[in-house]
C-alpha atoms as a PDB file:
ATOM      1  CA  UNK A   1     165.144 213.999 315.734  1.00  0.00           C
ATOM      2  CA  UNK A   2     163.811 216.157 312.880  1.00  0.00           C
ATOM      3  CA  UNK A   3     160.338 214.856 313.545  1.00  0.00           C
ATOM      4  CA  UNK A   4     160.533 215.879 317.215  1.00  0.00           C
ATOM      5  CA  UNK A   5     161.713 219.390 316.278  1.00  0.00           C
ATOM      6  CA  UNK A   6     158.827 219.790 313.808  1.00  0.00           C
ATOM      7  CA  UNK A   7     156.309 218.688 316.426  1.00  0.00           C
ATOM      8  CA  UNK A   8     157.762 221.107 318.936  1.00  0.00           C
ATOM      9  CA  UNK A   9     157.697 223.913 316.355  1.00  0.00           C
ATOM     10  CA  UNK A  10     154.099 223.161 315.329  1.00  0.00           C
ATOM     11  CA  UNK A  11     153.054 222.935 318.985  1.00  0.00           C
ATOM     12  CA  UNK A  12     154.685 226.269 319.782  1.00  0.00           C
ATOM     13  CA  UNK A  13     153.024 227.829 316.711  1.00  0.00           C
ATOM     14  CA  UNK A  14     149.588 226.539 317.780  1.00  0.00           C
ATOM     15  CA  UNK A  15     150.128 227.826 321.331  1.00  0.00           C
ATOM     16  CA  UNK A  16     151.176 231.224 319.951  1.00  0.00           C
ATOM     17  CA  UNK A  17     148.086 231.443 317.733  1.00  0.00           C
ATOM     18  CA  UNK A  18     145.832 230.355 320.558  1.00  0.00           C
ATOM     19  CA  UNK A  19     147.233 232.873 323.047  1.00  0.00           C
ATOM     20  CA  UNK A  20     147.272 235.799 320.628  1.00  0.00           C
ATOM     21  CA  UNK A  21     143.797 235.112 319.241  1.00  0.00           C
ATOM     22  CA  UNK A  22     141.964 234.525 322.518  1.00  0.00           C
ATOM     23  CA  UNK A  23     142.134 238.016 323.996  1.00  0.00           C
ATOM     24  CA  UNK A  24     138.918 239.581 325.242  1.00  0.00           C
ATOM     25  CA  UNK A  25     137.276 241.353 322.322  1.00  0.00           C
ATOM     26  CA  UNK A  26     134.782 243.229 324.520  1.00  0.00           C
ATOM     27  CA  UNK A  27     137.462 245.345 326.196  1.00  0.00           C
ATOM     28  CA  UNK A  28     138.073 247.392 323.070  1.00  0.00           C
ATOM     29  CA  UNK A  29     135.975 250.541 323.010  1.00  0.00           C
ATOM     30  CA  UNK A  30     134.258 250.078 326.371  1.00  0.00           C
ATOM     31  CA  UNK A  31     135.044 253.668 327.224  1.00  0.00           C
ATOM     32  CA  UNK A  32     133.002 254.827 324.234  1.00  0.00           C
ATOM     33  CA  UNK A  33     129.690 256.408 325.125  1.00  0.00           C
ATOM     34  CA  UNK A  34     126.429 254.909 323.865  1.00  0.00           C
ATOM     35  CA  UNK A  35     124.547 256.387 320.959  1.00  0.00           C
ATOM     36  CA  UNK A  36     124.135 260.136 321.093  1.00  0.00           C
ATOM     37  CA  UNK A  37     120.790 261.271 322.526  1.00  0.00           C
ATOM     38  CA  UNK A  38     118.214 262.487 320.031  1.00  0.00           C
ATOM     39  CA  UNK A  39     117.464 266.199 320.317  1.00  0.00           C
ATOM     40  CA  UNK A  40     113.975 267.703 320.324  1.00  0.00           C
ATOM     41  CA  UNK A  41     114.668 269.318 316.941  1.00  0.00           C
ATOM     42  CA  UNK A  42     115.537 265.943 315.396  1.00  0.00           C
ATOM     43  CA  UNK A  43     112.382 264.355 316.823  1.00  0.00           C
ATOM     44  CA  UNK A  44     110.296 267.261 315.483  1.00  0.00           C
ATOM     45  CA  UNK A  45     111.854 266.840 312.029  1.00  0.00           C
ATOM     46  CA  UNK A  46     111.085 263.112 312.021  1.00  0.00           C
ATOM     47  CA  UNK A  47     107.515 263.773 313.204  1.00  0.00           C
ATOM     48  CA  UNK A  48     106.982 266.367 310.463  1.00  0.00           C
ATOM     49  CA  UNK A  49     108.276 264.013 307.770  1.00  0.00           C
ATOM     50  CA  UNK A  50     106.075 261.134 308.956  1.00  0.00           C
ATOM     51  CA  UNK A  51     102.967 263.311 309.388  1.00  0.00           C
ATOM     52  CA  UNK A  52     103.006 264.969 305.973  1.00  0.00           C
ATOM     53  CA  UNK A  53      99.466 266.020 305.037  1.00  0.00           C
ATOM     54  CA  UNK A  54      98.084 265.208 308.490  1.00  0.00           C
ATOM     55  CA  UNK A  55      96.721 267.694 310.985  1.00  0.00           C
ATOM     56  CA  UNK A  56      97.672 267.696 314.677  1.00  0.00           C
ATOM     57  CA  UNK A  57      94.747 267.042 316.999  1.00  0.00           C
ATOM     58  CA  UNK A  58      94.401 266.748 320.767  1.00  0.00           C
ATOM     59  CA  UNK A  59      93.401 263.488 322.454  1.00  0.00           C
ATOM     60  CA  UNK A  60      90.141 265.046 323.677  1.00  0.00           C
ATOM     61  CA  UNK A  61      89.173 266.000 320.119  1.00  0.00           C
ATOM     62  CA  UNK A  62      89.484 262.485 318.690  1.00  0.00           C
ATOM     63  CA  UNK A  63      85.970 261.134 318.060  1.00  0.00           C
ATOM     64  CA  UNK A  64      84.605 257.709 317.238  1.00  0.00           C
ATOM     65  CA  UNK A  65      83.720 259.124 313.792  1.00  0.00           C
ATOM     66  CA  UNK A  66      87.485 259.458 313.097  1.00  0.00           C
ATOM     67  CA  UNK A  67      87.800 255.657 313.096  1.00  0.00           C
ATOM     68  CA  UNK A  68      89.261 254.465 309.803  1.00  0.00           C
ATOM     69  CA  UNK A  69      91.367 257.577 309.150  1.00  0.00           C
ATOM     70  CA  UNK A  70      95.125 257.341 308.712  1.00  0.00           C
ATOM     71  CA  UNK A  71      96.970 258.611 311.754  1.00  0.00           C
ATOM     72  CA  UNK A  72     100.360 259.048 313.356  1.00  0.00           C
ATOM     73  CA  UNK A  73     100.645 258.821 317.141  1.00  0.00           C
ATOM     74  CA  UNK A  74     103.761 259.977 318.971  1.00  0.00           C
ATOM     75  CA  UNK A  75     104.116 258.253 322.329  1.00  0.00           C
ATOM     76  CA  UNK A  76     106.648 258.073 325.115  1.00  0.00           C
ATOM     77  CA  UNK A  77     108.798 254.949 324.949  1.00  0.00           C
ATOM     78  CA  UNK A  78     108.480 253.140 328.288  1.00  0.00           C
ATOM     79  CA  UNK A  79     111.546 252.067 330.277  1.00  0.00           C
ATOM     80  CA  UNK A  80     113.022 248.920 328.777  1.00  0.00           C
ATOM     81  CA  UNK A  81     111.540 249.588 325.328  1.00  0.00           C
ATOM     82  CA  UNK A  82     108.162 248.763 323.870  1.00  0.00           C
ATOM     83  CA  UNK A  83     106.583 245.342 324.170  1.00  0.00           C
ATOM     84  CA  UNK A  84     104.277 244.276 321.359  1.00  0.00           C
ATOM     85  CA  UNK A  85     102.632 240.874 321.445  1.00  0.00           C
ATOM     86  CA  UNK A  86     103.444 238.494 318.552  1.00  0.00           C
ATOM     87  CA  UNK A  87     103.200 238.485 315.604  1.00  0.00           C
ATOM     88  CA  UNK A  88     105.473 241.451 314.871  1.00  0.00           C
ATOM     89  CA  UNK A  89     103.827 244.554 313.404  1.00  0.00           C
ATOM     90  CA  UNK A  90     104.003 245.290 309.657  1.00  0.00           C
ATOM     91  CA  UNK A  91     106.970 247.316 308.454  1.00  0.00           C
ATOM     92  CA  UNK A  92     106.557 251.027 309.065  1.00  0.00           C
ATOM     93  CA  UNK A  93     103.904 250.692 311.750  1.00  0.00           C
ATOM     94  CA  UNK A  94     106.196 251.188 314.762  1.00  0.00           C
ATOM     95  CA  UNK A  95     109.318 253.371 314.720  1.00  0.00           C
ATOM     96  CA  UNK A  96     111.349 254.028 317.844  1.00  0.00           C
ATOM     97  CA  UNK A  97     113.529 257.135 317.870  1.00  0.00           C
ATOM     98  CA  UNK A  98     115.360 257.617 321.136  1.00  0.00           C
ATOM     99  CA  UNK A  99     112.824 258.162 323.882  1.00  0.00           C
ATOM    100  CA  UNK A 100     109.867 258.471 321.460  1.00  0.00           C
ATOM    101  CA  UNK A 101     107.897 255.821 319.539  1.00  0.00           C
ATOM    102  CA  UNK A 102     105.860 256.664 316.441  1.00  0.00           C
ATOM    103  CA  UNK A 103     102.850 254.510 315.541  1.00  0.00           C
ATOM    104  CA  UNK A 104     101.520 254.886 311.987  1.00  0.00           C
ATOM    105  CA  UNK A 105      98.363 253.240 310.724  1.00  0.00           C
ATOM    106  CA  UNK A 106      94.622 253.464 310.724  1.00  0.00           C
ATOM    107  CA  UNK A 107      92.698 254.633 313.786  1.00  0.00           C
ATOM    108  CA  UNK A 108      90.750 251.575 314.951  1.00  0.00           C
ATOM    109  CA  UNK A 109      89.274 252.587 318.270  1.00  0.00           C
ATOM    110  CA  UNK A 110      88.961 255.431 320.749  1.00  0.00           C
ATOM    111  CA  UNK A 111      88.413 254.984 324.485  1.00  0.00           C
ATOM    112  CA  UNK A 112      88.963 257.132 327.575  1.00  0.00           C
ATOM    113  CA  UNK A 113      92.028 254.952 328.374  1.00  0.00           C
ATOM    114  CA  UNK A 114      93.759 255.344 325.006  1.00  0.00           C
ATOM    115  CA  UNK A 115      93.753 254.660 321.272  1.00  0.00           C
ATOM    116  CA  UNK A 116      93.957 251.542 319.146  1.00  0.00           C
ATOM    117  CA  UNK A 117      95.897 251.708 315.891  1.00  0.00           C
ATOM    118  CA  UNK A 118      95.803 249.010 313.232  1.00  0.00           C
ATOM    119  CA  UNK A 119      97.713 248.316 310.055  1.00  0.00           C
ATOM    120  CA  UNK A 120      97.272 245.581 307.469  1.00  0.00           C
ATOM    121  CA  UNK A 121      99.986 243.102 306.613  1.00  0.00           C
ATOM    122  CA  UNK A 122     100.951 243.533 302.935  1.00  0.00           C
ATOM    123  CA  UNK A 123     100.470 239.913 301.849  1.00  0.00           C
ATOM    124  CA  UNK A 124      97.535 238.795 303.974  1.00  0.00           C
ATOM    125  CA  UNK A 125      94.173 240.249 304.835  1.00  0.00           C
ATOM    126  CA  UNK A 126      95.106 240.312 308.523  1.00  0.00           C
ATOM    127  CA  UNK A 127      95.620 243.382 310.682  1.00  0.00           C
ATOM    128  CA  UNK A 128      97.956 244.101 313.576  1.00  0.00           C
ATOM    129  CA  UNK A 129      96.368 246.147 316.367  1.00  0.00           C
ATOM    130  CA  UNK A 130      98.375 248.098 318.930  1.00  0.00           C
ATOM    131  CA  UNK A 131      96.820 249.766 321.964  1.00  0.00           C
ATOM    132  CA  UNK A 132      98.444 253.001 323.130  1.00  0.00           C
ATOM    133  CA  UNK A 133      97.650 254.212 326.682  1.00  0.00           C
ATOM    134  CA  UNK A 134      96.482 257.815 327.053  1.00  0.00           C
ATOM    135  CA  UNK A 135      99.296 258.600 329.512  1.00  0.00           C
ATOM    136  CA  UNK A 136     101.980 257.771 326.934  1.00  0.00           C
ATOM    137  CA  UNK A 137     100.511 259.777 324.025  1.00  0.00           C
ATOM    138  CA  UNK A 138     102.383 262.996 323.251  1.00  0.00           C
ATOM    139  CA  UNK A 139     100.777 263.996 319.937  1.00  0.00           C
ATOM    140  CA  UNK A 140      98.242 262.722 317.443  1.00  0.00           C
ATOM    141  CA  UNK A 141      98.090 263.570 313.734  1.00  0.00           C
ATOM    142  CA  UNK A 142      95.049 262.620 311.614  1.00  0.00           C
ATOM    143  CA  UNK A 143      94.614 262.637 307.858  1.00  0.00           C
ATOM    144  CA  UNK A 144      91.775 264.896 306.728  1.00  0.00           C
END
């Protein structure tokens, strides 16, 4: 009889733990809003900190002779985020801040359709190249 009571008690305890621990965790905080939007002042402050010592330049003023200079390109982030082909870019090359993406590296190519930025991987002699369409570019900063 004692054995049957223990089994019943253990079974009830397991059922209690199961029922109390299996609630939907996703319901908590669903009414919370997403991350706060980034203001224009915050984006400008980030741009200024990343472009220290660089001069702003218009897309039409970028020449083939500027190839090899360090640059920072501010571009519009497309819907659904940016898509960069593998392998992933080196750390610090691509930074997404709200609706803006910053590309930092070396200017690799200039064409009427856009710019190509490259950055070396720290451990290998390989480079990652990212093409940025002209329509997405908002500002360009070049090192003197």
